[in-house]
Amino acid sequence: MPSLDEIMKMAEAAQAQLAQAQENLDKVEVEGVAGGGLVRIKATAKGRILGVSIDDSLLVPAEKSMLEDLVAAAINDARGKADAAAGEQMQAMTSGLSLPPGFKLPF
């Protein structure tokens, strides 16, 4: 069984790797789409919205509520992809750690 000092060192190393993984999430880009690609949202895996693209054909005042629904759907699609990308990054980060059983991340 590892000593308390060894466990603390493992925890510090894991915390440093977790911080690096969190920083990397802001560099991973995902794209959410709705309406067959008429609305596109670019975001980072950390959830920061980078851009919105709306096809000109949707810029009709009478279709305002449909456009709003498509923007919300594209944001939700981007958020789902961001969560999946973040999960993959975190799993890759934690797979190389030798943590004691029951040790949970993040701290």
PDB file of N, CA and C in Angstrom:
ATOM      1  N   MET A   1       0.856  -1.177   0.000  1.00  0.00           N
ATOM      2  CA  MET A   1       0.000   0.000   0.000  1.00  0.00           C
ATOM      3  C   MET A   1       0.901   1.239   0.000  1.00  0.00           C
ATOM      4  N   PRO A   2       0.548   2.241  -0.865  1.00  0.00           N
ATOM      5  CA  PRO A   2       1.378   3.439  -0.937  1.00  0.00           C
ATOM      6  C   PRO A   2       1.315   4.237   0.368  1.00  0.00           C
ATOM      7  N   SER A   3       2.429   4.899   0.657  1.00  0.00           N
ATOM      8  CA  SER A   3       2.485   5.736   1.853  1.00  0.00           C
ATOM      9  C   SER A   3       1.689   7.021   1.612  1.00  0.00           C
ATOM     10  N   LEU A   4       1.413   7.742   2.658  1.00  0.00           N
ATOM     11  CA  LEU A   4       0.686   9.004   2.554  1.00  0.00           C
ATOM     12  C   LEU A   4       1.450   9.983   1.668  1.00  0.00           C
ATOM     13  N   ASP A   5       2.779   9.992   1.805  1.00  0.00           N
ATOM     14  CA  ASP A   5       3.605  10.879   0.982  1.00  0.00           C
ATOM     15  C   ASP A   5       3.470  10.516  -0.496  1.00  0.00           C
ATOM     16  N   GLU A   6       3.468   9.222  -0.800  1.00  0.00           N
ATOM     17  CA  GLU A   6       3.314   8.779  -2.193  1.00  0.00           C
ATOM     18  C   GLU A   6       1.929   9.140  -2.725  1.00  0.00           C
ATOM     19  N   ILE A   7       0.920   8.977  -1.903  1.00  0.00           N
ATOM     20  CA  ILE A   7      -0.436   9.325  -2.316  1.00  0.00           C
ATOM     21  C   ILE A   7      -0.539  10.824  -2.590  1.00  0.00           C
ATOM     22  N   MET A   8       0.072  11.632  -1.747  1.00  0.00           N
ATOM     23  CA  MET A   8       0.054  13.085  -1.951  1.00  0.00           C
ATOM     24  C   MET A   8       0.770  13.469  -3.245  1.00  0.00           C
ATOM     25  N   LYS A   9       1.892  12.812  -3.526  1.00  0.00           N
ATOM     26  CA  LYS A   9       2.612  13.099  -4.766  1.00  0.00           C
ATOM     27  C   LYS A   9       1.779  12.692  -5.977  1.00  0.00           C
ATOM     28  N   MET A  10       1.090  11.537  -5.891  1.00  0.00           N
ATOM     29  CA  MET A  10       0.223  11.102  -6.982  1.00  0.00           C
ATOM     30  C   MET A  10      -0.922  12.095  -7.171  1.00  0.00           C
ATOM     31  N   ALA A  11      -1.469  12.582  -6.057  1.00  0.00           N
ATOM     32  CA  ALA A  11      -2.568  13.542  -6.133  1.00  0.00           C
ATOM     33  C   ALA A  11      -2.098  14.845  -6.774  1.00  0.00           C
ATOM     34  N   GLU A  12      -0.918  15.306  -6.411  1.00  0.00           N
ATOM     35  CA  GLU A  12      -0.382  16.539  -6.993  1.00  0.00           C
ATOM     36  C   GLU A  12      -0.135  16.355  -8.497  1.00  0.00           C
ATOM     37  N   ALA A  13       0.404  15.207  -8.873  1.00  0.00           N
ATOM     38  CA  ALA A  13       0.650  14.932 -10.294  1.00  0.00           C
ATOM     39  C   ALA A  13      -0.677  14.861 -11.052  1.00  0.00           C
ATOM     40  N   ALA A  14      -1.658  14.204 -10.455  1.00  0.00           N
ATOM     41  CA  ALA A  14      -2.970  14.091 -11.084  1.00  0.00           C
ATOM     42  C   ALA A  14      -3.612  15.468 -11.221  1.00  0.00           C
ATOM     43  N   GLN A  15      -3.462  16.303 -10.222  1.00  0.00           N
ATOM     44  CA  GLN A  15      -4.037  17.639 -10.268  1.00  0.00           C
ATOM     45  C   GLN A  15      -3.375  18.469 -11.371  1.00  0.00           C
ATOM     46  N   ALA A  16      -2.082  18.350 -11.529  1.00  0.00           N
ATOM     47  CA  ALA A  16      -1.375  19.074 -12.585  1.00  0.00           C
ATOM     48  C   ALA A  16      -1.832  18.584 -13.959  1.00  0.00           C
ATOM     49  N   GLN A  17      -1.992  17.271 -14.098  1.00  0.00           N
ATOM     50  CA  GLN A  17      -2.455  16.726 -15.373  1.00  0.00           C
ATOM     51  C   GLN A  17      -3.894  17.143 -15.653  1.00  0.00           C
ATOM     52  N   LEU A  18      -4.726  17.187 -14.632  1.00  0.00           N
ATOM     53  CA  LEU A  18      -6.109  17.612 -14.785  1.00  0.00           C
ATOM     54  C   LEU A  18      -6.164  19.070 -15.232  1.00  0.00           C
ATOM     55  N   ALA A  19      -5.348  19.914 -14.646  1.00  0.00           N
ATOM     56  CA  ALA A  19      -5.306  21.327 -15.036  1.00  0.00           C
ATOM     57  C   ALA A  19      -4.883  21.464 -16.496  1.00  0.00           C
ATOM     58  N   GLN A  20      -3.905  20.665 -16.916  1.00  0.00           N
ATOM     59  CA  GLN A  20      -3.453  20.700 -18.305  1.00  0.00           C
ATOM     60  C   GLN A  20      -4.566  20.218 -19.236  1.00  0.00           C
ATOM     61  N   ALA A  21      -5.263  19.154 -18.843  1.00  0.00           N
ATOM     62  CA  ALA A  21      -6.361  18.636 -19.654  1.00  0.00           C
ATOM     63  C   ALA A  21      -7.467  19.672 -19.786  1.00  0.00           C
ATOM     64  N   GLN A  22      -7.787  20.376 -18.694  1.00  0.00           N
ATOM     65  CA  GLN A  22      -8.815  21.421 -18.739  1.00  0.00           C
ATOM     66  C   GLN A  22      -8.400  22.535 -19.699  1.00  0.00           C
ATOM     67  N   GLU A  23      -7.136  22.898 -19.668  1.00  0.00           N
ATOM     68  CA  GLU A  23      -6.633  23.933 -20.573  1.00  0.00           C
ATOM     69  C   GLU A  23      -6.731  23.467 -22.019  1.00  0.00           C
ATOM     70  N   ASN A  24      -6.427  22.203 -22.261  1.00  0.00           N
ATOM     71  CA  ASN A  24      -6.478  21.656 -23.618  1.00  0.00           C
ATOM     72  C   ASN A  24      -7.899  21.623 -24.163  1.00  0.00           C
ATOM     73  N   LEU A  25      -8.904  21.484 -23.281  1.00  0.00           N
ATOM     74  CA  LEU A  25     -10.291  21.431 -23.737  1.00  0.00           C
ATOM     75  C   LEU A  25     -10.698  22.701 -24.470  1.00  0.00           C
ATOM     76  N   ASP A  26     -10.083  23.822 -24.134  1.00  0.00           N
ATOM     77  CA  ASP A  26     -10.427  25.070 -24.794  1.00  0.00           C
ATOM     78  C   ASP A  26      -9.808  25.152 -26.183  1.00  0.00           C
ATOM     79  N   LYS A  27      -8.951  24.188 -26.543  1.00  0.00           N
ATOM     80  CA  LYS A  27      -8.327  24.165 -27.863  1.00  0.00           C
ATOM     81  C   LYS A  27      -9.018  23.181 -28.809  1.00  0.00           C
ATOM     82  N   VAL A  28      -9.843  22.282 -28.248  1.00  0.00           N
ATOM     83  CA  VAL A  28     -10.566  21.301 -29.058  1.00  0.00           C
ATOM     84  C   VAL A  28     -11.850  21.960 -29.552  1.00  0.00           C
ATOM     85  N   GLU A  29     -12.055  21.989 -30.871  1.00  0.00           N
ATOM     86  CA  GLU A  29     -13.239  22.618 -31.441  1.00  0.00           C
ATOM     87  C   GLU A  29     -14.243  21.578 -31.907  1.00  0.00           C
ATOM     88  N   VAL A  30     -15.521  21.874 -31.683  1.00  0.00           N
ATOM     89  CA  VAL A  30     -16.623  21.051 -32.161  1.00  0.00           C
ATOM     90  C   VAL A  30     -17.585  21.952 -32.915  1.00  0.00           C
ATOM     91  N   GLU A  31     -18.447  21.338 -33.721  1.00  0.00           N
ATOM     92  CA  GLU A  31     -19.439  22.114 -34.458  1.00  0.00           C
ATOM     93  C   GLU A  31     -20.803  21.461 -34.290  1.00  0.00           C
ATOM     94  N   GLY A  32     -21.746  22.247 -33.805  1.00  0.00           N
ATOM     95  CA  GLY A  32     -23.129  21.791 -33.703  1.00  0.00           C
ATOM     96  C   GLY A  32     -23.894  22.300 -34.902  1.00  0.00           C
ATOM     97  N   VAL A  33     -24.784  21.460 -35.433  1.00  0.00           N
ATOM     98  CA  VAL A  33     -25.562  21.857 -36.604  1.00  0.00           C
ATOM     99  C   VAL A  33     -27.043  21.586 -36.360  1.00  0.00           C
ATOM    100  N   ALA A  34     -27.878  22.336 -37.066  1.00  0.00           N
ATOM    101  CA  ALA A  34     -29.316  22.134 -37.033  1.00  0.00           C
ATOM    102  C   ALA A  34     -29.884  22.542 -38.379  1.00  0.00           C
ATOM    103  N   GLY A  35     -31.085  22.054 -38.663  1.00  0.00           N
ATOM    104  CA  GLY A  35     -31.735  22.412 -39.926  1.00  0.00           C
ATOM    105  C   GLY A  35     -30.961  21.948 -41.138  1.00  0.00           C
ATOM    106  N   GLY A  36     -30.365  20.763 -41.049  1.00  0.00           N
ATOM    107  CA  GLY A  36     -29.620  20.225 -42.181  1.00  0.00           C
ATOM    108  C   GLY A  36     -28.384  21.047 -42.519  1.00  0.00           C
ATOM    109  N   GLY A  37     -27.838  21.728 -41.521  1.00  0.00           N
ATOM    110  CA  GLY A  37     -26.628  22.518 -41.733  1.00  0.00           C
ATOM    111  C   GLY A  37     -26.897  23.985 -41.992  1.00  0.00           C
ATOM    112  N   LEU A  38     -28.153  24.401 -41.938  1.00  0.00           N
ATOM    113  CA  LEU A  38     -28.474  25.810 -42.158  1.00  0.00           C
ATOM    114  C   LEU A  38     -28.010  26.690 -41.002  1.00  0.00           C
ATOM    115  N   VAL A  39     -27.931  26.098 -39.804  1.00  0.00           N
ATOM    116  CA  VAL A  39     -27.419  26.806 -38.636  1.00  0.00           C
ATOM    117  C   VAL A  39     -26.261  25.997 -38.081  1.00  0.00           C
ATOM    118  N   ARG A  40     -25.141  26.665 -37.885  1.00  0.00           N
ATOM    119  CA  ARG A  40     -23.938  26.006 -37.364  1.00  0.00           C
ATOM    120  C   ARG A  40     -23.384  26.811 -36.195  1.00  0.00           C
ATOM    121  N   ILE A  41     -22.987  26.107 -35.145  1.00  0.00           N
ATOM    122  CA  ILE A  41     -22.393  26.729 -33.972  1.00  0.00           C
ATOM    123  C   ILE A  41     -21.021  26.097 -33.762  1.00  0.00           C
ATOM    124  N   LYS A  42     -19.975  26.910 -33.712  1.00  0.00           N
ATOM    125  CA  LYS A  42     -18.640  26.415 -33.400  1.00  0.00           C
ATOM    126  C   LYS A  42     -18.374  26.706 -31.934  1.00  0.00           C
ATOM    127  N   ALA A  43     -17.849  25.708 -31.223  1.00  0.00           N
ATOM    128  CA  ALA A  43     -17.572  25.848 -29.799  1.00  0.00           C
ATOM    129  C   ALA A  43     -16.321  25.061 -29.456  1.00  0.00           C
ATOM    130  N   THR A  44     -15.797  25.331 -28.267  1.00  0.00           N
ATOM    131  CA  THR A  44     -14.698  24.523 -27.764  1.00  0.00           C
ATOM    132  C   THR A  44     -15.277  23.396 -26.923  1.00  0.00           C
ATOM    133  N   ALA A  45     -14.462  22.381 -26.662  1.00  0.00           N
ATOM    134  CA  ALA A  45     -14.903  21.269 -25.821  1.00  0.00           C
ATOM    135  C   ALA A  45     -15.167  21.745 -24.395  1.00  0.00           C
ATOM    136  N   LYS A  46     -14.676  22.917 -24.069  1.00  0.00           N
ATOM    137  CA  LYS A  46     -14.935  23.493 -22.751  1.00  0.00           C
ATOM    138  C   LYS A  46     -16.276  24.218 -22.722  1.00  0.00           C
ATOM    139  N   GLY A  47     -16.914  24.376 -23.897  1.00  0.00           N
ATOM    140  CA  GLY A  47     -18.234  24.978 -23.970  1.00  0.00           C
ATOM    141  C   GLY A  47     -18.255  26.440 -24.377  1.00  0.00           C
ATOM    142  N   ARG A  48     -17.113  27.001 -24.715  1.00  0.00           N
ATOM    143  CA  ARG A  48     -17.067  28.405 -25.138  1.00  0.00           C
ATOM    144  C   ARG A  48     -17.509  28.496 -26.600  1.00  0.00           C
ATOM    145  N   ILE A  49     -18.509  29.348 -26.883  1.00  0.00           N
ATOM    146  CA  ILE A  49     -19.014  29.516 -28.236  1.00  0.00           C
ATOM    147  C   ILE A  49     -18.028  30.386 -29.015  1.00  0.00           C
ATOM    148  N   LEU A  50     -17.595  29.870 -30.173  1.00  0.00           N
ATOM    149  CA  LEU A  50     -16.623  30.587 -31.000  1.00  0.00           C
ATOM    150  C   LEU A  50     -17.285  31.331 -32.153  1.00  0.00           C
ATOM    151  N   GLY A  51     -18.405  30.800 -32.632  1.00  0.00           N
ATOM    152  CA  GLY A  51     -19.048  31.451 -33.765  1.00  0.00           C
ATOM    153  C   GLY A  51     -20.397  30.856 -34.081  1.00  0.00           C
ATOM    154  N   VAL A  52     -21.202  31.641 -34.778  1.00  0.00           N
ATOM    155  CA  VAL A  52     -22.534  31.249 -35.213  1.00  0.00           C
ATOM    156  C   VAL A  52     -22.624  31.543 -36.701  1.00  0.00           C
ATOM    157  N   SER A  53     -23.120  30.573 -37.464  1.00  0.00           N
ATOM    158  CA  SER A  53     -23.324  30.764 -38.890  1.00  0.00           C
ATOM    159  C   SER A  53     -24.775  30.430 -39.215  1.00  0.00           C
ATOM    160  N   ILE A  54     -25.467  31.387 -39.858  1.00  0.00           N
ATOM    161  CA  ILE A  54     -26.875  31.211 -40.218  1.00  0.00           C
ATOM    162  C   ILE A  54     -26.995  31.422 -41.719  1.00  0.00           C
ATOM    163  N   ASP A  55     -27.565  30.425 -42.405  1.00  0.00           N
ATOM    164  CA  ASP A  55     -27.762  30.528 -43.850  1.00  0.00           C
ATOM    165  C   ASP A  55     -28.706  31.692 -44.155  1.00  0.00           C
ATOM    166  N   ASP A  56     -28.401  32.438 -45.214  1.00  0.00           N
ATOM    167  CA  ASP A  56     -29.204  33.598 -45.589  1.00  0.00           C
ATOM    168  C   ASP A  56     -30.679  33.254 -45.818  1.00  0.00           C
ATOM    169  N   SER A  57     -30.965  32.034 -46.244  1.00  0.00           N
ATOM    170  CA  SER A  57     -32.350  31.661 -46.524  1.00  0.00           C
ATOM    171  C   SER A  57     -33.233  31.685 -45.281  1.00  0.00           C
ATOM    172  N   LEU A  58     -32.614  31.669 -44.097  1.00  0.00           N
ATOM    173  CA  LEU A  58     -33.375  31.690 -42.849  1.00  0.00           C
ATOM    174  C   LEU A  58     -33.653  33.098 -42.341  1.00  0.00           C
ATOM    175  N   LEU A  59     -33.107  34.104 -42.997  1.00  0.00           N
ATOM    176  CA  LEU A  59     -33.259  35.476 -42.526  1.00  0.00           C
ATOM    177  C   LEU A  59     -34.536  36.111 -43.075  1.00  0.00           C
ATOM    178  N   VAL A  60     -35.660  35.507 -42.687  1.00  0.00           N
ATOM    179  CA  VAL A  60     -36.980  35.969 -43.084  1.00  0.00           C
ATOM    180  C   VAL A  60     -37.743  36.285 -41.805  1.00  0.00           C
ATOM    181  N   PRO A  61     -38.193  37.529 -41.639  1.00  0.00           N
ATOM    182  CA  PRO A  61     -38.868  37.899 -40.389  1.00  0.00           C
ATOM    183  C   PRO A  61     -39.999  36.958 -39.988  1.00  0.00           C
ATOM    184  N   ALA A  62     -40.745  36.441 -40.939  1.00  0.00           N
ATOM    185  CA  ALA A  62     -41.862  35.551 -40.619  1.00  0.00           C
ATOM    186  C   ALA A  62     -41.383  34.221 -40.047  1.00  0.00           C
ATOM    187  N   GLU A  63     -40.126  33.887 -40.252  1.00  0.00           N
ATOM    188  CA  GLU A  63     -39.568  32.613 -39.785  1.00  0.00           C
ATOM    189  C   GLU A  63     -38.711  32.785 -38.531  1.00  0.00           C
ATOM    190  N   LYS A  64     -38.871  33.896 -37.834  1.00  0.00           N
ATOM    191  CA  LYS A  64     -38.042  34.208 -36.678  1.00  0.00           C
ATOM    192  C   LYS A  64     -38.066  33.107 -35.622  1.00  0.00           C
ATOM    193  N   SER A  65     -39.235  32.588 -35.275  1.00  0.00           N
ATOM    194  CA  SER A  65     -39.307  31.571 -34.217  1.00  0.00           C
ATOM    195  C   SER A  65     -38.628  30.273 -34.660  1.00  0.00           C
ATOM    196  N   MET A  66     -38.742  29.922 -35.945  1.00  0.00           N
ATOM    197  CA  MET A  66     -38.059  28.722 -36.437  1.00  0.00           C
ATOM    198  C   MET A  66     -36.546  28.918 -36.348  1.00  0.00           C
ATOM    199  N   LEU A  67     -36.069  30.103 -36.716  1.00  0.00           N
ATOM    200  CA  LEU A  67     -34.636  30.397 -36.639  1.00  0.00           C
ATOM    201  C   LEU A  67     -34.146  30.294 -35.199  1.00  0.00           C
ATOM    202  N   GLU A  68     -34.917  30.848 -34.268  1.00  0.00           N
ATOM    203  CA  GLU A  68     -34.544  30.772 -32.860  1.00  0.00           C
ATOM    204  C   GLU A  68     -34.462  29.322 -32.396  1.00  0.00           C
ATOM    205  N   ASP A  69     -35.418  28.495 -32.827  1.00  0.00           N
ATOM    206  CA  ASP A  69     -35.396  27.071 -32.469  1.00  0.00           C
ATOM    207  C   ASP A  69     -34.172  26.372 -33.051  1.00  0.00           C
ATOM    208  N   LEU A  70     -33.830  26.705 -34.292  1.00  0.00           N
ATOM    209  CA  LEU A  70     -32.663  26.087 -34.927  1.00  0.00           C
ATOM    210  C   LEU A  70     -31.370  26.510 -34.245  1.00  0.00           C
ATOM    211  N   VAL A  71     -31.270  27.772 -33.840  1.00  0.00           N
ATOM    212  CA  VAL A  71     -30.067  28.232 -33.133  1.00  0.00           C
ATOM    213  C   VAL A  71     -29.940  27.483 -31.811  1.00  0.00           C
ATOM    214  N   ALA A  72     -31.043  27.359 -31.073  1.00  0.00           N
ATOM    215  CA  ALA A  72     -31.011  26.621 -29.805  1.00  0.00           C
ATOM    216  C   ALA A  72     -30.621  25.164 -30.043  1.00  0.00           C
ATOM    217  N   ALA A  73     -31.173  24.538 -31.088  1.00  0.00           N
ATOM    218  CA  ALA A  73     -30.840  23.146 -31.390  1.00  0.00           C
ATOM    219  C   ALA A  73     -29.365  22.989 -31.751  1.00  0.00           C
ATOM    220  N   ALA A  74     -28.837  23.935 -32.527  1.00  0.00           N
ATOM    221  CA  ALA A  74     -27.418  23.868 -32.906  1.00  0.00           C
ATOM    222  C   ALA A  74     -26.522  24.064 -31.689  1.00  0.00           C
ATOM    223  N   ILE A  75     -26.902  24.965 -30.790  1.00  0.00           N
ATOM    224  CA  ILE A  75     -26.121  25.158 -29.564  1.00  0.00           C
ATOM    225  C   ILE A  75     -26.146  23.883 -28.732  1.00  0.00           C
ATOM    226  N   ASN A  76     -27.311  23.264 -28.599  1.00  0.00           N
ATOM    227  CA  ASN A  76     -27.402  22.012 -27.836  1.00  0.00           C
ATOM    228  C   ASN A  76     -26.592  20.904 -28.487  1.00  0.00           C
ATOM    229  N   ASP A  77     -26.581  20.859 -29.814  1.00  0.00           N
ATOM    230  CA  ASP A  77     -25.784  19.864 -30.525  1.00  0.00           C
ATOM    231  C   ASP A  77     -24.300  20.102 -30.266  1.00  0.00           C
ATOM    232  N   ALA A  78     -23.884  21.362 -30.324  1.00  0.00           N
ATOM    233  CA  ALA A  78     -22.482  21.695 -30.042  1.00  0.00           C
ATOM    234  C   ALA A  78     -22.132  21.340 -28.602  1.00  0.00           C
ATOM    235  N   ARG A  79     -23.041  21.618 -27.673  1.00  0.00           N
ATOM    236  CA  ARG A  79     -22.795  21.316 -26.250  1.00  0.00           C
ATOM    237  C   ARG A  79     -22.632  19.809 -26.049  1.00  0.00           C
ATOM    238  N   GLY A  80     -23.477  19.022 -26.696  1.00  0.00           N
ATOM    239  CA  GLY A  80     -23.356  17.568 -26.597  1.00  0.00           C
ATOM    240  C   GLY A  80     -22.025  17.075 -27.145  1.00  0.00           C
ATOM    241  N   LYS A  81     -21.613  17.629 -28.269  1.00  0.00           N
ATOM    242  CA  LYS A  81     -20.321  17.247 -28.855  1.00  0.00           C
ATOM    243  C   LYS A  81     -19.168  17.718 -27.978  1.00  0.00           C
ATOM    244  N   ALA A  82     -19.319  18.904 -27.373  1.00  0.00           N
ATOM    245  CA  ALA A  82     -18.282  19.409 -26.472  1.00  0.00           C
ATOM    246  C   ALA A  82     -18.148  18.499 -25.257  1.00  0.00           C
ATOM    247  N   ASP A  83     -19.285  18.063 -24.701  1.00  0.00           N
ATOM    248  CA  ASP A  83     -19.249  17.157 -23.549  1.00  0.00           C
ATOM    249  C   ASP A  83     -18.578  15.836 -23.914  1.00  0.00           C
ATOM    250  N   ALA A  84     -18.904  15.308 -25.102  1.00  0.00           N
ATOM    251  CA  ALA A  84     -18.298  14.049 -25.543  1.00  0.00           C
ATOM    252  C   ALA A  84     -16.789  14.213 -25.731  1.00  0.00           C
ATOM    253  N   ALA A  85     -16.377  15.322 -26.357  1.00  0.00           N
ATOM    254  CA  ALA A  85     -14.942  15.566 -26.563  1.00  0.00           C
ATOM    255  C   ALA A  85     -14.228  15.741 -25.230  1.00  0.00           C
ATOM    256  N   ALA A  86     -14.869  16.437 -24.290  1.00  0.00           N
ATOM    257  CA  ALA A  86     -14.270  16.626 -22.969  1.00  0.00           C
ATOM    258  C   ALA A  86     -14.130  15.285 -22.259  1.00  0.00           C
ATOM    259  N   GLY A  87     -15.144  14.434 -22.364  1.00  0.00           N
ATOM    260  CA  GLY A  87     -15.080  13.117 -21.737  1.00  0.00           C
ATOM    261  C   GLY A  87     -13.944  12.280 -22.301  1.00  0.00           C
ATOM    262  N   GLU A  88     -13.765  12.340 -23.621  1.00  0.00           N
ATOM    263  CA  GLU A  88     -12.669  11.606 -24.256  1.00  0.00           C
ATOM    264  C   GLU A  88     -11.318  12.123 -23.785  1.00  0.00           C
ATOM    265  N   GLN A  89     -11.186  13.444 -23.703  1.00  0.00           N
ATOM    266  CA  GLN A  89      -9.922  14.035 -23.258  1.00  0.00           C
ATOM    267  C   GLN A  89      -9.617  13.637 -21.813  1.00  0.00           C
ATOM    268  N   MET A  90     -10.626  13.694 -20.962  1.00  0.00           N
ATOM    269  CA  MET A  90     -10.423  13.373 -19.548  1.00  0.00           C
ATOM    270  C   MET A  90     -10.113  11.877 -19.376  1.00  0.00           C
ATOM    271  N   GLN A  91     -10.786  11.034 -20.155  1.00  0.00           N
ATOM    272  CA  GLN A  91     -10.515   9.597 -20.073  1.00  0.00           C
ATOM    273  C   GLN A  91      -9.087   9.308 -20.523  1.00  0.00           C
ATOM    274  N   ALA A  92      -8.654   9.969 -21.583  1.00  0.00           N
ATOM    275  CA  ALA A  92      -7.282   9.775 -22.053  1.00  0.00           C
ATOM    276  C   ALA A  92      -6.287  10.241 -21.002  1.00  0.00           C
ATOM    277  N   MET A  93      -6.605  11.336 -20.326  1.00  0.00           N
ATOM    278  CA  MET A  93      -5.703  11.872 -19.311  1.00  0.00           C
ATOM    279  C   MET A  93      -5.622  10.937 -18.109  1.00  0.00           C
ATOM    280  N   THR A  94      -6.740  10.418 -17.663  1.00  0.00           N
ATOM    281  CA  THR A  94      -6.743   9.601 -16.450  1.00  0.00           C
ATOM    282  C   THR A  94      -6.298   8.163 -16.705  1.00  0.00           C
ATOM    283  N   SER A  95      -6.291   7.716 -17.958  1.00  0.00           N
ATOM    284  CA  SER A  95      -5.926   6.323 -18.224  1.00  0.00           C
ATOM    285  C   SER A  95      -4.471   6.035 -17.882  1.00  0.00           C
ATOM    286  N   GLY A  96      -3.616   7.049 -17.938  1.00  0.00           N
ATOM    287  CA  GLY A  96      -2.203   6.844 -17.643  1.00  0.00           C
ATOM    288  C   GLY A  96      -1.831   7.025 -16.183  1.00  0.00           C
ATOM    289  N   LEU A  97      -2.793   7.387 -15.359  1.00  0.00           N
ATOM    290  CA  LEU A  97      -2.497   7.619 -13.951  1.00  0.00           C
ATOM    291  C   LEU A  97      -2.607   6.326 -13.153  1.00  0.00           C
ATOM    292  N   SER A  98      -1.723   6.158 -12.212  1.00  0.00           N
ATOM    293  CA  SER A  98      -1.819   5.003 -11.317  1.00  0.00           C
ATOM    294  C   SER A  98      -2.366   5.501  -9.983  1.00  0.00           C
ATOM    295  N   LEU A  99      -3.674   5.608  -9.927  1.00  0.00           N
ATOM    296  CA  LEU A  99      -4.322   6.117  -8.726  1.00  0.00           C
ATOM    297  C   LEU A  99      -4.799   4.961  -7.861  1.00  0.00           C
ATOM    298  N   PRO A 100      -4.813   5.157  -6.556  1.00  0.00           N
ATOM    299  CA  PRO A 100      -5.321   4.112  -5.668  1.00  0.00           C
ATOM    300  C   PRO A 100      -6.796   3.838  -5.948  1.00  0.00           C
ATOM    301  N   PRO A 101      -7.281   2.630  -5.685  1.00  0.00           N
ATOM    302  CA  PRO A 101      -8.690   2.335  -5.897  1.00  0.00           C
ATOM    303  C   PRO A 101      -9.587   3.301  -5.125  1.00  0.00           C
ATOM    304  N   GLY A 102     -10.651   3.741  -5.781  1.00  0.00           N
ATOM    305  CA  GLY A 102     -11.586   4.637  -5.139  1.00  0.00           C
ATOM    306  C   GLY A 102     -11.216   6.110  -5.210  1.00  0.00           C
ATOM    307  N   PHE A 103     -10.040   6.436  -5.761  1.00  0.00           N
ATOM    308  CA  PHE A 103      -9.577   7.816  -5.879  1.00  0.00           C
ATOM    309  C   PHE A 103     -10.360   8.481  -6.992  1.00  0.00           C
ATOM    310  N   LYS A 104     -11.016   9.575  -6.715  1.00  0.00           N
ATOM    311  CA  LYS A 104     -11.890  10.238  -7.678  1.00  0.00           C
ATOM    312  C   LYS A 104     -11.261  11.506  -8.225  1.00  0.00           C
ATOM    313  N   LEU A 105     -11.502  11.759  -9.523  1.00  0.00           N
ATOM    314  CA  LEU A 105     -11.128  13.012 -10.179  1.00  0.00           C
ATOM    315  C   LEU A 105     -12.402  13.644 -10.706  1.00  0.00           C
ATOM    316  N   PRO A 106     -12.537  14.940 -10.768  1.00  0.00           N
ATOM    317  CA  PRO A 106     -11.635  15.909 -10.181  1.00  0.00           C
ATOM    318  C   PRO A 106     -11.756  15.904  -8.671  1.00  0.00           C
ATOM    319  N   PHE A 107     -10.788  16.541  -8.019  1.00  0.00           N
ATOM    320  CA  PHE A 107     -10.645  16.485  -6.574  1.00  0.00           C
ATOM    321  C   PHE A 107     -11.827  17.052  -5.900  1.00  0.00           C
TER     322      PHE A 107
END
